[in-house]
Amino acid sequence: QLQLVESGGGLVQAGGSLNLSCVAFGSATLYNINPMAWYRQSPGKGREMVALHNGRGATTYAESVKGRFTIARASAANVGLFMNSLQPEDTGVYYCNVDRFGTHYWGQGTQVTVAS
């Protein structure tokens, strides 16, 4: 079993920056090849993938955040999301996800609010 804990959310003015962090704990071992990702759920919308690190160095971003967000893998169990030029539409709950050989684990989410 794994527990994912996110941190770093908060309130920021439009144009500002925030850094999110996610650390995985538990008895199941994570490997660098296990993909880790950030999702967000904005008010009135479904959960969407924001950024993915596939475990082999390749990254994928939602079109809306390209050039502004960067996902970085510090270790097999630690992933960060560096968010710049934040806009009000980036507001939402951000969730960390890890795919451990087909089993997905989720964090509890961290709130990001961008004020205009």
Protein backbone atom coordinates (compact mmCIF):
# COMPACT_ATOMS: atom_id res chain seq x y z
CA GLN A 1 0.00 0.00 0.00
CA LEU A 2 1.01 3.55 -0.64
CA GLN A 3 0.04 6.91 0.76
CA LEU A 4 0.71 10.06 -1.25
CA VAL A 5 0.99 13.39 0.52
CA GLU A 6 0.85 16.67 -1.41
CA SER A 7 1.96 20.04 -0.11
CA GLY A 8 2.60 23.54 -1.37
CA GLY A 9 -0.84 24.75 -2.36
CA GLY A 10 -2.18 28.14 -1.38
CA LEU A 11 -3.47 31.49 -2.54
CA VAL A 12 -1.53 33.49 -5.10
CA GLN A 13 -2.17 36.52 -7.29
CA ALA A 14 -2.45 36.11 -11.04
CA GLY A 15 1.00 36.03 -12.59
CA GLY A 16 2.51 34.50 -9.47
CA SER A 17 4.17 31.14 -8.85
CA LEU A 18 3.66 28.13 -6.63
CA ASN A 19 5.58 24.92 -6.17
CA LEU A 20 3.81 21.69 -5.27
CA SER A 21 5.45 18.61 -3.83
CA CYS A 22 4.28 15.01 -3.51
CA VAL A 23 5.93 12.30 -1.45
CA ALA A 24 4.89 8.66 -1.40
CA PHE A 25 5.04 6.55 1.76
CA GLY A 26 4.20 2.95 2.41
CA SER A 27 5.13 -0.65 2.15
CA ALA A 28 4.98 -0.90 -1.64
CA THR A 29 8.24 -0.04 -3.35
CA LEU A 30 8.19 2.54 -6.08
CA TYR A 31 10.62 2.47 -8.96
CA ASN A 32 11.79 5.17 -11.29
CA ILE A 33 9.84 3.52 -14.10
CA ASN A 34 6.52 4.02 -12.30
CA PRO A 35 4.88 7.08 -13.87
CA MET A 36 3.89 9.94 -11.59
CA ALA A 37 1.52 12.71 -12.54
CA TRP A 38 -0.36 15.75 -11.35
CA TYR A 39 -4.07 16.15 -11.96
CA ARG A 40 -6.37 18.98 -11.05
CA GLN A 41 -10.07 19.39 -10.54
CA SER A 42 -11.38 22.89 -11.09
CA PRO A 43 -14.78 24.06 -9.86
CA GLY A 44 -17.54 22.56 -11.99
CA LYS A 45 -15.13 20.45 -14.04
CA GLY A 46 -13.87 16.90 -14.06
CA ARG A 47 -10.40 15.85 -13.02
CA GLU A 48 -7.84 16.48 -15.75
CA MET A 49 -4.22 15.49 -16.17
CA VAL A 50 -1.95 18.52 -15.89
CA ALA A 51 1.53 16.99 -16.13
CA LEU A 52 2.98 13.50 -16.37
CA HIS A 53 6.47 12.13 -15.83
CA ASN A 54 6.59 8.71 -17.43
CA GLY A 55 9.46 7.42 -15.33
CA ARG A 56 11.86 7.30 -18.26
CA GLY A 57 12.51 11.02 -18.42
CA ALA A 58 9.71 11.95 -20.81
CA THR A 59 7.09 14.46 -19.74
CA THR A 60 3.64 15.35 -21.02
CA TYR A 61 1.66 18.50 -20.30
CA ALA A 62 -1.89 19.65 -20.80
CA GLU A 63 -2.01 22.23 -23.57
CA SER A 64 -3.26 24.87 -21.16
CA VAL A 65 -0.14 24.71 -18.97
CA LYS A 66 2.63 24.16 -21.52
CA GLY A 67 5.46 26.62 -21.05
CA ARG A 68 4.23 27.60 -17.59
CA PHE A 69 4.33 24.38 -15.54
CA THR A 70 7.24 21.97 -15.06
CA ILE A 71 7.04 18.50 -13.54
CA ALA A 72 10.22 17.22 -11.94
CA ARG A 73 10.98 13.82 -10.45
CA ALA A 74 13.31 14.06 -7.48
CA SER A 75 13.25 10.33 -6.79
CA ALA A 76 11.11 7.27 -7.38
CA ALA A 77 8.77 8.47 -4.62
CA ASN A 78 8.96 12.25 -4.94
CA VAL A 79 7.59 14.49 -7.65
CA GLY A 80 7.22 18.25 -7.84
CA LEU A 81 5.16 20.63 -9.94
CA PHE A 82 6.59 24.08 -10.53
CA MET A 83 3.90 26.51 -11.63
CA ASN A 84 4.64 29.93 -13.08
CA SER A 85 2.48 32.68 -14.59
CA LEU A 86 -0.55 31.32 -12.77
CA GLN A 87 -3.95 32.38 -13.99
CA PRO A 88 -7.39 32.27 -12.32
CA GLU A 89 -8.32 29.29 -14.52
CA ASP A 90 -5.53 27.32 -12.83
CA THR A 91 -7.57 27.36 -9.63
CA GLY A 92 -8.50 23.93 -8.37
CA VAL A 93 -7.53 20.99 -6.22
CA TYR A 94 -4.29 19.43 -7.39
CA TYR A 95 -3.82 15.69 -6.91
CA CYS A 96 -0.70 13.59 -7.13
CA ASN A 97 -0.97 10.20 -8.83
CA VAL A 98 1.36 7.26 -9.21
CA ASP A 99 0.84 4.26 -11.48
CA ARG A 100 2.50 1.29 -9.84
CA PHE A 101 2.30 -1.43 -12.47
CA GLY A 102 -1.36 -0.74 -13.23
CA THR A 103 -2.49 0.15 -9.71
CA HIS A 104 -3.15 3.85 -9.27
CA TYR A 105 -2.68 5.67 -6.01
CA TRP A 106 -3.92 9.19 -5.27
CA GLY A 107 -3.11 11.84 -2.75
CA GLN A 108 -5.73 13.77 -0.83
CA GLY A 109 -5.20 16.89 -2.92
CA THR A 110 -3.94 20.40 -2.24
CA GLN A 111 -5.92 23.54 -3.02
CA VAL A 112 -4.50 26.14 -5.39
CA THR A 113 -6.37 29.41 -5.68
CA VAL A 114 -5.32 32.12 -8.11
CA ALA A 115 -6.87 35.52 -7.51
CA SER A 116 -7.38 37.92 -10.39
